[in-house]
Amino acid sequence: MKIFKIWLIFSIIFIISVIPLNATYACEENNVREHNIYTMDDEYVYRLSEDGIEIIKINNYEDMYFDYRLDEYKMKNSKIYVYNNRLFISGIENDEDKSYIKICVYDIYDKKNPIKMNDFKLEGYEYLFKYDDNGSIYLVIQQTESNIQIVSIDLNKTEVDLNIDCFEGGEINFIYLSENDLYVICNDDMIDRYFTTIHKFNINRSEFKYINKISFDGIIYNDKFIHKYDGNLRVLATCENSKNKVYILDRDFTYVNFIDVILDNKNINSVYFDGELCYISGFLKDGYFSIYNLNYSNPNYMGSIKLTSSFNYIYKLSDDKFVVVGNEHRADTYKNMQSDKVFEVIKNTGIKINLIDVSDKNSPKIFDEYFIKGKEAYLSEFLDEGKMLFSKDKNLLAFTLDMGDNSIDMDINTAMEVNSDILIPNCDKLFTGVYVFDLDDKEGIGLKFIIESNDNLFKDKSIEGISIHKDSIFIFSDDYFEVFDLDGKLLGEYTFKKEETR
């Protein structure tokens, strides 16, 4: 029984370790735990929580104050979007044996007296949400296993209404929006086989037209793994037996070109598309950063660099410098005294930031690096994209480390023999807080400041998000946020109200 328990722990941890970061992020919307949601405009913070929607005036950071609360919205998978004094809210409501997607739009010109413009209820049990920069919102609703509804709303119109169409498809996974096209990515149910179908729509503000669909082997983890360039759609998919392919789809969705095997048997954590080029990072036994040219007629491999870390985030700093962030690893070899079998355990030793020079695409090199030493584990807090902040304009990188006790003791002498490497978390109580870095294309990586765990913001709380607004950094916890300037000076703080206040 003891051996079985250890084997079970190893199995779970190994599965977690080989799933790309982005797969976790893609599934975040379906998580049981509901997080608070924040959005901002020039003068206000809007927070959606179980207490409703709170509107906070932030003009003066030393005197931020509560303006209004809408307290009737307690829905699952809630979304909030603010555009031009219009407030959009959506979520899932259950009514007896049915589920509905509820949509509400408010005029919030007068923040102390929001006016409901319209609300809608559409039958469905799951939905996806996307918006553009011009006030158009798109929802894709799963009504049944094979029936899907697509909905658009234009917040610029005086009378807010829905534009609705339906199509047949599989399980909705995510939406990709690019210029005048919207793509709905579905996972099809195939026995012992990865299979994806992409449905393409042409959009013109809130109007849309179904163009075509195309299916292929493999699954796409999220919208980072898909990109439109020069009319063609490029898709990075993971297929059976850990095979990876890049598909290049023409604008009419009638022809597919591809690189047949890309990074064979490698775990891909993240990808960055830049014109015809594709930058990929990940980890199996070693970390890597690879470059591919995805020219439509002649896609080809260009170069790569071997790394010691599993990089989950890729950011472009300049034309010849890329920033990658992830977990540093160390491999330790152990001998089972009962069986004399030797196996390898891969341990996390901290977080590594690398600045990679890609001026020679055939031979990328490490230009600079920064290592945060600590027994970092694969905790959801570090996997949350909302807790990473990169600003190319400000040459700034910030991320939160919000980790508590999570140790696993392993008895090597009673551990089962394993055929593959195991990645185990080996952390004690760790740092909780925010690291903020300067990034310079010529000077490299420099630590600007740290907000440490003993600050009031993080005492007995978790960090839920980090955002940059104008020249200030906002750090949100579950019931509190603080504002810092770009040198780490505290500018102001606000505690969210728990009870209804009018």
Protein backbone atom coordinates (compact mmCIF):
# COMPACT_ATOMS: atom_id res chain seq x y z
CA MET A 1 0.00 0.00 0.00
CA LYS A 2 2.85 2.37 0.83
CA ILE A 3 4.48 1.67 -2.54
CA PHE A 4 1.18 2.30 -4.28
CA LYS A 5 0.75 5.67 -2.54
CA ILE A 6 4.24 6.77 -3.56
CA TRP A 7 3.65 5.59 -7.12
CA LEU A 8 0.39 7.54 -7.21
CA ILE A 9 2.08 10.73 -5.99
CA PHE A 10 4.84 10.34 -8.58
CA SER A 11 2.32 9.72 -11.34
CA ILE A 12 0.30 12.82 -10.52
CA ILE A 13 3.38 15.02 -10.27
CA PHE A 14 4.84 13.69 -13.50
CA ILE A 15 1.59 14.38 -15.34
CA ILE A 16 1.54 17.94 -13.99
CA SER A 17 5.15 18.47 -14.97
CA VAL A 18 4.75 17.44 -18.59
CA ILE A 19 1.56 19.38 -19.30
CA PRO A 20 2.53 22.70 -20.89
CA LEU A 21 1.90 25.77 -18.84
CA ASN A 22 -0.46 27.01 -21.47
CA ALA A 23 -2.69 23.99 -21.20
CA THR A 24 -3.35 24.95 -17.59
CA TYR A 25 -4.06 28.48 -18.63
CA ALA A 26 -6.44 27.40 -21.37
CA CYS A 27 -8.55 25.45 -18.90
CA GLU A 28 -8.58 28.15 -16.24
CA GLU A 29 -12.10 29.31 -17.11
CA ASN A 30 -13.50 25.91 -16.18
CA ASN A 31 -11.89 25.89 -12.75
CA VAL A 32 -14.25 25.43 -9.83
CA ARG A 33 -12.70 28.27 -7.86
CA GLU A 34 -13.99 31.68 -8.90
CA HIS A 35 -11.43 34.48 -8.77
CA ASN A 36 -12.11 38.17 -8.46
CA ILE A 37 -11.91 40.01 -11.77
CA TYR A 38 -10.49 43.48 -12.26
CA THR A 39 -10.52 45.96 -15.12
CA MET A 40 -9.56 49.61 -15.34
CA ASP A 41 -10.04 52.76 -17.34
CA ASP A 42 -8.39 56.18 -16.96
CA GLU A 43 -10.17 57.07 -13.72
CA TYR A 44 -11.67 53.93 -12.19
CA VAL A 45 -11.00 50.38 -11.04
CA TYR A 46 -13.87 47.92 -11.52
CA ARG A 47 -13.85 44.80 -9.40
CA LEU A 48 -16.23 41.87 -9.90
CA SER A 49 -16.46 39.54 -6.89
CA GLU A 50 -19.03 37.52 -4.96
CA ASP A 51 -20.14 40.83 -3.42
CA GLY A 52 -21.01 42.31 -6.82
CA ILE A 53 -19.28 44.94 -8.95
CA GLU A 54 -17.48 47.66 -7.05
CA ILE A 55 -16.47 50.92 -8.75
CA ILE A 56 -13.52 52.80 -7.22
CA LYS A 57 -12.30 56.26 -8.16
CA ILE A 58 -8.49 56.27 -8.59
CA ASN A 59 -7.66 59.78 -9.84
CA ASN A 60 -5.80 60.59 -6.64
CA TYR A 61 -3.88 57.55 -5.38
CA GLU A 62 -3.64 59.05 -1.88
CA ASP A 63 -7.42 59.39 -1.71
CA MET A 64 -9.04 56.57 -3.72
CA TYR A 65 -12.67 56.09 -2.79
CA PHE A 66 -15.73 53.91 -3.32
CA ASP A 67 -18.31 55.22 -5.83
CA TYR A 68 -20.94 52.51 -6.33
CA ARG A 69 -21.72 48.79 -6.14
CA LEU A 70 -23.91 46.67 -8.39
CA ASP A 71 -24.75 43.82 -6.04
CA GLU A 72 -27.05 41.54 -8.04
CA TYR A 73 -24.49 39.57 -10.02
CA LYS A 74 -23.30 36.28 -8.56
CA MET A 75 -22.56 34.10 -11.58
CA LYS A 76 -20.00 31.46 -12.50
CA ASN A 77 -17.27 32.14 -15.06
CA SER A 78 -18.03 35.86 -14.88
CA LYS A 79 -16.56 38.39 -17.31
CA ILE A 80 -16.47 42.16 -17.16
CA TYR A 81 -15.52 44.71 -19.82
CA VAL A 82 -15.62 48.51 -19.82
CA TYR A 83 -15.67 50.59 -22.99
CA ASN A 84 -16.62 54.24 -23.49
CA ASN A 85 -18.81 54.44 -20.36
CA ARG A 86 -20.49 51.13 -21.11
CA LEU A 87 -20.16 48.26 -18.63
CA PHE A 88 -20.58 44.71 -19.97
CA ILE A 89 -21.13 41.75 -17.61
CA SER A 90 -21.60 38.08 -18.46
CA GLY A 91 -21.70 34.80 -16.57
CA ILE A 92 -23.40 31.44 -16.13
CA GLU A 93 -26.62 31.13 -14.12
CA ASN A 94 -28.39 27.91 -13.15
CA ASP A 95 -32.19 27.82 -13.09
CA GLU A 96 -33.53 24.48 -11.84
CA ASP A 97 -32.24 21.91 -14.35
CA LYS A 98 -31.02 24.38 -17.00
CA SER A 99 -28.00 26.62 -17.40
CA TYR A 100 -28.07 30.05 -19.02
CA ILE A 101 -25.53 32.61 -20.15
CA LYS A 102 -26.62 35.94 -18.71
CA ILE A 103 -25.53 39.20 -20.35
CA CYS A 104 -26.07 42.73 -18.97
CA VAL A 105 -25.02 46.12 -20.31
CA TYR A 106 -25.03 49.35 -18.27
CA ASP A 107 -24.54 52.99 -19.11
CA ILE A 108 -22.05 54.14 -16.46
CA TYR A 109 -21.53 57.74 -17.54
CA ASP A 110 -22.79 58.67 -14.07
CA LYS A 111 -20.84 56.23 -11.90
CA LYS A 112 -23.09 56.86 -8.91
CA ASN A 113 -26.20 56.04 -10.91
CA PRO A 114 -25.59 53.28 -13.51
CA ILE A 115 -28.49 52.70 -15.89
CA LYS A 116 -29.25 49.22 -17.20
CA MET A 117 -29.52 49.41 -21.00
CA ASN A 118 -30.44 45.79 -21.65
CA ASP A 119 -30.03 42.25 -20.39
CA PHE A 120 -30.28 38.84 -22.06
CA LYS A 121 -30.42 35.15 -21.12
CA LEU A 122 -29.28 32.52 -23.62
CA GLU A 123 -29.46 28.79 -23.02
CA GLY A 124 -26.06 27.14 -22.67
CA TYR A 125 -23.72 25.58 -20.12
CA GLU A 126 -20.33 27.01 -21.14
CA TYR A 127 -19.10 30.01 -23.09
CA LEU A 128 -16.03 31.81 -24.39
CA PHE A 129 -15.50 35.57 -24.37
CA LYS A 130 -13.46 37.93 -26.54
CA TYR A 131 -13.48 41.64 -27.33
CA ASP A 132 -11.64 43.99 -29.68
CA ASP A 133 -10.38 47.54 -29.15
CA ASN A 134 -13.42 49.12 -30.82
CA GLY A 135 -16.19 48.10 -28.42
CA SER A 136 -17.27 44.86 -30.11
CA ILE A 137 -17.75 41.78 -27.91
CA TYR A 138 -17.99 38.17 -29.09
CA LEU A 139 -19.33 35.20 -27.14
CA VAL A 140 -19.33 31.57 -28.25
CA ILE A 141 -21.87 29.49 -26.30
CA GLN A 142 -21.95 25.71 -25.96
CA GLN A 143 -25.66 24.87 -26.04
CA THR A 144 -25.34 21.10 -26.52
CA GLU A 145 -22.44 18.76 -27.29
CA SER A 146 -22.77 19.58 -31.00
CA ASN A 147 -24.71 22.87 -31.15
CA ILE A 148 -22.81 26.15 -30.76
CA GLN A 149 -24.12 29.70 -30.77
CA ILE A 150 -22.04 32.76 -31.66
CA VAL A 151 -23.14 36.14 -30.32
CA SER A 152 -21.83 39.66 -30.92
CA ILE A 153 -22.59 42.99 -29.25
CA ASP A 154 -21.56 46.48 -30.37
CA LEU A 155 -21.23 48.77 -27.35
CA ASN A 156 -21.05 51.83 -29.62
CA LYS A 157 -24.72 51.56 -30.57
CA THR A 158 -27.37 53.60 -28.83
CA GLU A 159 -29.62 50.55 -28.59
CA VAL A 160 -27.63 47.55 -27.41
CA ASP A 161 -28.82 44.31 -28.99
CA LEU A 162 -27.47 40.88 -29.91
CA ASN A 163 -26.45 39.52 -33.29
CA ILE A 164 -26.79 35.71 -33.14
CA ASP A 165 -25.91 32.78 -35.38
CA CYS A 166 -25.56 29.02 -34.83
CA PHE A 167 -23.31 26.29 -36.20
CA GLU A 168 -22.47 22.67 -35.49
CA GLY A 169 -19.18 21.73 -33.86
CA GLY A 170 -17.48 19.88 -31.02
CA GLU A 171 -16.36 21.01 -27.59
CA ILE A 172 -15.42 24.70 -27.65
CA ASN A 173 -11.85 25.35 -26.52
CA PHE A 174 -10.99 29.00 -27.19
CA ILE A 175 -11.45 31.96 -29.57
CA TYR A 176 -8.78 33.65 -31.64
CA LEU A 177 -9.50 37.15 -32.96
CA SER A 178 -7.39 38.79 -35.68
CA GLU A 179 -8.28 41.89 -37.69
CA ASN A 180 -11.47 41.02 -39.60
CA ASP A 181 -11.52 37.33 -38.77
CA LEU A 182 -12.70 35.35 -35.78
CA TYR A 183 -11.74 31.69 -35.28
CA VAL A 184 -13.54 29.25 -32.99
CA ILE A 185 -11.33 26.32 -32.00
CA CYS A 186 -13.13 23.08 -31.06
CA ASN A 187 -11.85 19.76 -29.75
CA ASP A 188 -13.57 16.86 -31.49
CA ASP A 189 -14.29 13.63 -29.65
CA MET A 190 -12.16 10.92 -31.24
CA ILE A 191 -11.27 7.68 -29.46
CA ASP A 192 -7.55 7.60 -28.55
CA ARG A 193 -6.81 10.48 -30.91
CA TYR A 194 -6.19 14.21 -30.69
CA PHE A 195 -8.35 16.08 -33.18
CA THR A 196 -9.14 19.78 -33.69
CA THR A 197 -11.58 21.69 -35.89
CA ILE A 198 -11.28 25.44 -36.52
CA HIS A 199 -14.34 27.41 -37.67
CA LYS A 200 -13.61 30.70 -39.44
CA PHE A 201 -15.89 33.77 -39.43
CA ASN A 202 -15.43 37.07 -41.21
CA ILE A 203 -16.46 39.96 -38.95
CA ASN A 204 -17.38 43.58 -39.54
CA ARG A 205 -18.00 45.22 -36.18
CA SER A 206 -20.86 43.18 -34.70
CA GLU A 207 -21.78 41.48 -38.00
CA PHE A 208 -20.24 38.13 -38.92
CA LYS A 209 -20.30 35.62 -41.76
CA TYR A 210 -19.37 31.94 -41.61
CA ILE A 211 -16.52 31.21 -44.07
CA ASN A 212 -15.38 27.62 -43.67
CA LYS A 213 -14.00 25.02 -41.29
CA ILE A 214 -10.94 22.81 -41.37
CA SER A 215 -9.92 19.79 -39.26
CA PHE A 216 -6.56 18.21 -38.50
CA ASP A 217 -4.74 15.94 -36.06
CA GLY A 218 -3.59 17.43 -32.77
CA ILE A 219 -4.78 19.78 -30.06
CA ILE A 220 -4.05 23.50 -29.60
CA TYR A 221 -3.57 24.60 -26.00
CA ASN A 222 -4.67 28.24 -26.22
CA ASP A 223 -4.58 31.36 -28.38
CA LYS A 224 -0.82 31.79 -27.94
CA PHE A 225 -0.40 28.72 -30.14
CA ILE A 226 -2.21 30.25 -33.11
CA HIS A 227 -1.35 33.31 -35.22
CA LYS A 228 -2.44 34.99 -38.42
CA TYR A 229 0.17 36.50 -40.74
CA ASP A 230 -0.13 37.67 -44.35
CA GLY A 231 -3.59 36.12 -44.60
CA ASN A 232 -2.43 32.68 -43.49
CA LEU A 233 -3.15 31.07 -40.14
CA ARG A 234 -0.28 29.27 -38.39
CA VAL A 235 -1.14 26.73 -35.71
CA LEU A 236 1.18 24.85 -33.35
CA ALA A 237 -0.48 21.57 -32.35
CA THR A 238 0.52 18.63 -30.17
CA CYS A 239 -0.39 15.30 -31.75
CA GLU A 240 -0.30 11.66 -30.70
CA ASN A 241 2.84 10.25 -29.07
CA SER A 242 4.11 13.73 -28.17
CA LYS A 243 4.59 14.67 -31.83
CA ASN A 244 4.33 18.38 -32.56
CA LYS A 245 3.33 20.01 -35.84
CA VAL A 246 3.00 23.52 -37.20
CA TYR A 247 0.09 23.79 -39.62
CA ILE A 248 -0.05 26.69 -42.07
CA LEU A 249 -3.61 27.27 -43.33
CA ASP A 250 -4.43 29.40 -46.37
CA ARG A 251 -6.91 32.28 -46.15
CA ASP A 252 -9.75 30.24 -47.67
CA PHE A 253 -9.24 27.31 -45.31
CA THR A 254 -8.94 24.91 -48.24
CA TYR A 255 -5.26 23.93 -48.07
CA VAL A 256 -2.90 22.95 -45.28
CA ASN A 257 0.89 23.00 -45.32
CA PHE A 258 2.90 21.90 -42.30
CA ILE A 259 6.21 21.03 -40.74
CA ASP A 260 5.65 17.35 -40.11
CA VAL A 261 7.66 16.85 -36.92
CA ILE A 262 8.75 19.84 -34.87
CA LEU A 263 10.68 19.28 -31.63
CA ASP A 264 9.93 15.55 -31.64
CA ASN A 265 8.93 14.23 -28.20
CA LYS A 266 9.46 17.64 -26.62
CA ASN A 267 7.05 19.31 -24.23
CA ILE A 268 6.19 22.76 -25.62
CA ASN A 269 5.40 25.30 -22.91
CA SER A 270 5.13 28.53 -24.86
CA VAL A 271 5.37 30.01 -28.33
CA TYR A 272 5.83 33.50 -29.77
CA PHE A 273 4.94 34.25 -33.40
CA ASP A 274 6.74 37.20 -35.00
CA GLY A 275 6.09 37.72 -38.71
CA GLU A 276 7.19 34.57 -40.51
CA LEU A 277 9.26 33.47 -37.52
CA CYS A 278 8.19 31.28 -34.62
CA TYR A 279 10.02 31.12 -31.26
CA ILE A 280 9.30 28.06 -29.10
CA SER A 281 10.32 27.12 -25.56
CA GLY A 282 9.73 24.12 -23.34
CA PHE A 283 11.32 21.29 -21.42
CA LEU A 284 11.59 17.54 -21.22
CA LYS A 285 14.99 16.43 -19.89
CA ASP A 286 16.54 19.71 -20.97
CA GLY A 287 15.15 23.15 -21.62
CA TYR A 288 15.30 24.64 -25.09
CA PHE A 289 14.58 27.78 -27.11
CA SER A 290 14.11 27.11 -30.83
CA ILE A 291 13.46 29.25 -33.91
CA TYR A 292 11.50 28.24 -37.02
CA ASN A 293 10.77 30.06 -40.28
CA LEU A 294 7.12 29.50 -41.19
CA ASN A 295 7.23 30.70 -44.77
CA TYR A 296 4.04 29.37 -46.37
CA SER A 297 5.74 27.59 -49.26
CA ASN A 298 8.92 26.48 -47.46
CA PRO A 299 8.70 26.25 -43.65
CA ASN A 300 11.97 25.21 -42.02
CA TYR A 301 13.96 24.93 -38.79
CA MET A 302 16.54 27.67 -38.20
CA GLY A 303 18.33 27.20 -34.88
CA SER A 304 18.07 26.61 -31.14
CA ILE A 305 19.85 26.86 -27.81
CA LYS A 306 19.88 24.29 -25.01
CA LEU A 307 18.86 25.64 -21.61
CA THR A 308 18.62 24.38 -18.04
CA SER A 309 15.17 25.81 -17.40
CA SER A 310 11.59 25.08 -18.39
CA PHE A 311 10.50 28.41 -19.83
CA ASN A 312 6.79 29.17 -19.66
CA TYR A 313 6.74 32.76 -20.93
CA ILE A 314 8.30 34.40 -24.00
CA TYR A 315 8.34 38.17 -24.57
CA LYS A 316 9.88 40.22 -27.37
CA LEU A 317 12.02 43.06 -26.02
CA SER A 318 13.51 44.20 -29.37
CA ASP A 319 14.18 42.88 -32.86
CA ASP A 320 17.16 40.85 -31.64
CA LYS A 321 16.40 40.25 -27.93
CA PHE A 322 13.79 37.98 -26.35
CA VAL A 323 12.95 37.52 -22.67
CA VAL A 324 12.06 34.06 -21.36
CA VAL A 325 10.90 33.24 -17.82
CA GLY A 326 10.52 29.84 -16.19
CA ASN A 327 11.66 27.27 -13.67
CA GLU A 328 15.29 26.25 -13.18
CA HIS A 329 15.89 22.53 -12.67
CA ARG A 330 18.52 20.21 -11.25
CA ALA A 331 18.65 16.47 -11.89
CA ASP A 332 19.59 14.24 -8.92
CA THR A 333 20.27 10.51 -9.24
CA TYR A 334 19.06 8.10 -6.57
CA LYS A 335 19.57 4.40 -6.00
CA ASN A 336 16.78 2.20 -4.65
CA MET A 337 18.50 0.07 -2.01
CA GLN A 338 15.95 -2.72 -2.32
CA SER A 339 16.13 -3.17 -6.07
CA ASP A 340 19.54 -1.59 -6.83
CA LYS A 341 17.80 0.35 -9.58
CA VAL A 342 18.92 3.91 -10.25
CA PHE A 343 16.53 6.63 -11.27
CA GLU A 344 16.65 10.37 -11.79
CA VAL A 345 14.59 12.98 -9.97
CA ILE A 346 14.33 16.45 -11.49
CA LYS A 347 13.96 19.14 -8.83
CA ASN A 348 13.04 22.79 -9.13
CA THR A 349 15.74 25.04 -7.73
CA GLY A 350 14.32 28.47 -8.49
CA ILE A 351 13.16 30.81 -11.23
CA LYS A 352 15.35 31.84 -14.16
CA ILE A 353 15.01 34.86 -16.44
CA ASN A 354 17.08 34.73 -19.62
CA LEU A 355 17.65 37.48 -22.16
CA ILE A 356 18.37 35.71 -25.45
CA ASP A 357 20.16 37.31 -28.40
CA VAL A 358 18.53 36.14 -31.66
CA SER A 359 20.41 38.41 -34.07
CA ASP A 360 21.83 35.21 -35.59
CA LYS A 361 18.69 33.11 -36.02
CA ASN A 362 20.75 29.98 -36.67
CA SER A 363 22.67 30.32 -33.42
CA PRO A 364 20.78 32.15 -30.62
CA LYS A 365 22.83 32.94 -27.51
CA ILE A 366 22.20 33.85 -23.88
CA PHE A 367 22.90 37.59 -23.53
CA ASP A 368 22.09 37.90 -19.82
CA GLU A 369 20.32 35.98 -17.06
CA TYR A 370 18.93 36.44 -13.55
CA PHE A 371 18.32 33.60 -11.10
CA ILE A 372 15.97 33.67 -8.10
CA LYS A 373 17.13 30.83 -5.90
CA GLY A 374 14.47 28.84 -4.08
CA LYS A 375 12.70 25.52 -4.14
CA GLU A 376 9.90 26.64 -6.46
CA ALA A 377 7.05 24.23 -7.08
CA TYR A 378 4.45 23.97 -9.82
CA LEU A 379 1.78 25.94 -8.00
CA SER A 380 -1.17 27.55 -9.74
CA GLU A 381 -0.17 30.96 -8.45
CA PHE A 382 2.85 31.00 -10.75
CA LEU A 383 0.91 29.58 -13.70
CA ASP A 384 -1.60 32.43 -13.81
CA GLU A 385 -1.01 34.78 -16.77
CA GLY A 386 -2.67 37.60 -14.81
CA LYS A 387 0.25 37.49 -12.40
CA MET A 388 2.84 38.18 -15.10
CA LEU A 389 3.42 41.71 -16.35
CA PHE A 390 5.59 42.68 -19.31
CA SER A 391 5.74 46.20 -20.71
CA LYS A 392 7.87 46.76 -23.79
CA ASP A 393 7.24 50.52 -23.59
CA LYS A 394 8.48 50.68 -20.00
CA ASN A 395 11.20 47.99 -20.44
CA LEU A 396 9.68 46.32 -17.41
CA LEU A 397 9.02 42.75 -16.27
CA ALA A 398 7.15 41.92 -13.06
CA PHE A 399 5.69 38.75 -11.65
CA THR A 400 4.22 37.48 -8.41
CA LEU A 401 5.50 34.58 -6.34
CA ASP A 402 2.74 33.51 -4.00
CA MET A 403 3.71 30.17 -2.47
CA GLY A 404 3.10 28.44 0.84
CA ASP A 405 4.04 25.12 2.41
CA ASN A 406 3.98 22.27 -0.08
CA SER A 407 6.53 19.57 0.63
CA ILE A 408 6.55 15.92 -0.40
CA ASP A 409 8.77 13.53 1.53
CA MET A 410 10.12 10.62 -0.50
CA ASP A 411 11.52 7.41 0.95
CA ILE A 412 13.98 6.40 -1.76
CA ASN A 413 14.36 2.87 -0.41
CA THR A 414 10.65 2.12 -0.72
CA ALA A 415 9.99 4.13 -3.88
CA MET A 416 8.88 2.23 -6.94
CA GLU A 417 11.26 1.80 -9.82
CA VAL A 418 10.24 4.15 -12.62
CA ASN A 419 10.92 4.06 -16.34
CA SER A 420 10.91 7.81 -16.89
CA ASP A 421 12.19 10.86 -15.07
CA ILE A 422 10.09 12.33 -12.30
CA LEU A 423 9.68 16.00 -11.48
CA ILE A 424 8.86 16.57 -7.82
CA PRO A 425 8.22 19.75 -5.87
CA ASN A 426 10.61 20.08 -2.96
CA CYS A 427 9.65 23.35 -1.34
CA ASP A 428 9.27 24.56 2.21
CA LYS A 429 7.60 27.83 3.07
CA LEU A 430 8.58 30.22 0.30
CA PHE A 431 8.63 33.87 -0.63
CA THR A 432 5.34 35.64 -1.24
CA GLY A 433 5.47 38.92 -3.09
CA VAL A 434 6.37 40.68 -6.33
CA TYR A 435 9.66 40.98 -8.23
CA VAL A 436 10.04 43.92 -10.63
CA PHE A 437 12.88 44.05 -13.19
CA ASP A 438 14.40 46.52 -15.62
CA LEU A 439 15.02 45.07 -19.08
CA ASP A 440 17.51 46.71 -21.39
CA ASP A 441 18.42 45.54 -24.86
CA LYS A 442 22.07 46.62 -24.27
CA GLU A 443 22.55 46.49 -20.48
CA GLY A 444 20.59 43.31 -19.74
CA ILE A 445 18.41 42.39 -16.74
CA GLY A 446 18.39 44.41 -13.51
CA LEU A 447 16.28 44.00 -10.38
CA LYS A 448 14.37 47.24 -9.70
CA PHE A 449 12.65 46.38 -6.43
CA ILE A 450 10.84 43.68 -4.45
CA ILE A 451 7.58 43.92 -2.55
CA GLU A 452 8.10 41.41 0.24
CA SER A 453 5.70 39.05 1.96
CA ASN A 454 5.65 40.87 5.29
CA ASP A 455 4.02 43.91 3.71
CA ASN A 456 0.39 44.50 4.69
CA LEU A 457 -0.87 43.66 1.22
CA PHE A 458 0.17 40.02 1.41
CA LYS A 459 -0.31 39.18 5.08
CA ASP A 460 -2.58 36.09 5.14
CA LYS A 461 -3.69 36.88 1.58
CA SER A 462 -2.87 35.78 -1.95
CA ILE A 463 -2.01 38.00 -4.89
CA GLU A 464 -4.71 37.89 -7.55
CA GLY A 465 -3.29 40.14 -10.23
CA ILE A 466 -0.72 42.69 -11.27
CA SER A 467 -1.28 45.45 -13.81
CA ILE A 468 0.38 48.58 -15.13
CA HIS A 469 -1.65 51.77 -15.53
CA LYS A 470 -0.01 54.90 -16.92
CA ASP A 471 3.23 55.06 -14.88
CA SER A 472 1.99 53.03 -11.92
CA ILE A 473 1.90 49.36 -10.93
CA PHE A 474 -1.31 48.02 -9.37
CA ILE A 475 -1.10 44.87 -7.23
CA PHE A 476 -4.42 43.24 -6.30
CA SER A 477 -5.14 40.80 -3.49
CA ASP A 478 -8.52 39.26 -2.68
CA ASP A 479 -9.76 42.30 -0.74
CA TYR A 480 -7.09 44.96 -1.14
CA PHE A 481 -4.88 46.69 -3.70
CA GLU A 482 -1.84 48.93 -3.59
CA VAL A 483 -0.33 51.30 -6.14
CA PHE A 484 3.42 51.78 -6.64
CA ASP A 485 5.42 54.00 -8.94
CA LEU A 486 8.01 52.46 -11.27
CA ASP A 487 10.72 52.86 -8.62
CA GLY A 488 8.80 50.93 -5.97
CA LYS A 489 7.46 53.85 -3.93
CA LEU A 490 4.02 53.24 -2.43
CA LEU A 491 1.55 55.79 -3.83
CA GLY A 492 -1.72 54.62 -2.32
CA GLU A 493 -3.86 51.74 -1.12
CA TYR A 494 -7.51 50.73 -1.03
CA THR A 495 -9.48 48.08 0.88
CA PHE A 496 -12.57 46.71 -0.86
CA LYS A 497 -15.82 46.97 1.07
CA LYS A 498 -17.45 43.75 2.25
CA GLU A 499 -20.94 45.09 2.85
CA GLU A 500 -23.22 46.95 0.50
CA THR A 501 -22.63 50.68 0.58
CA ARG A 502 -24.70 53.21 -1.31
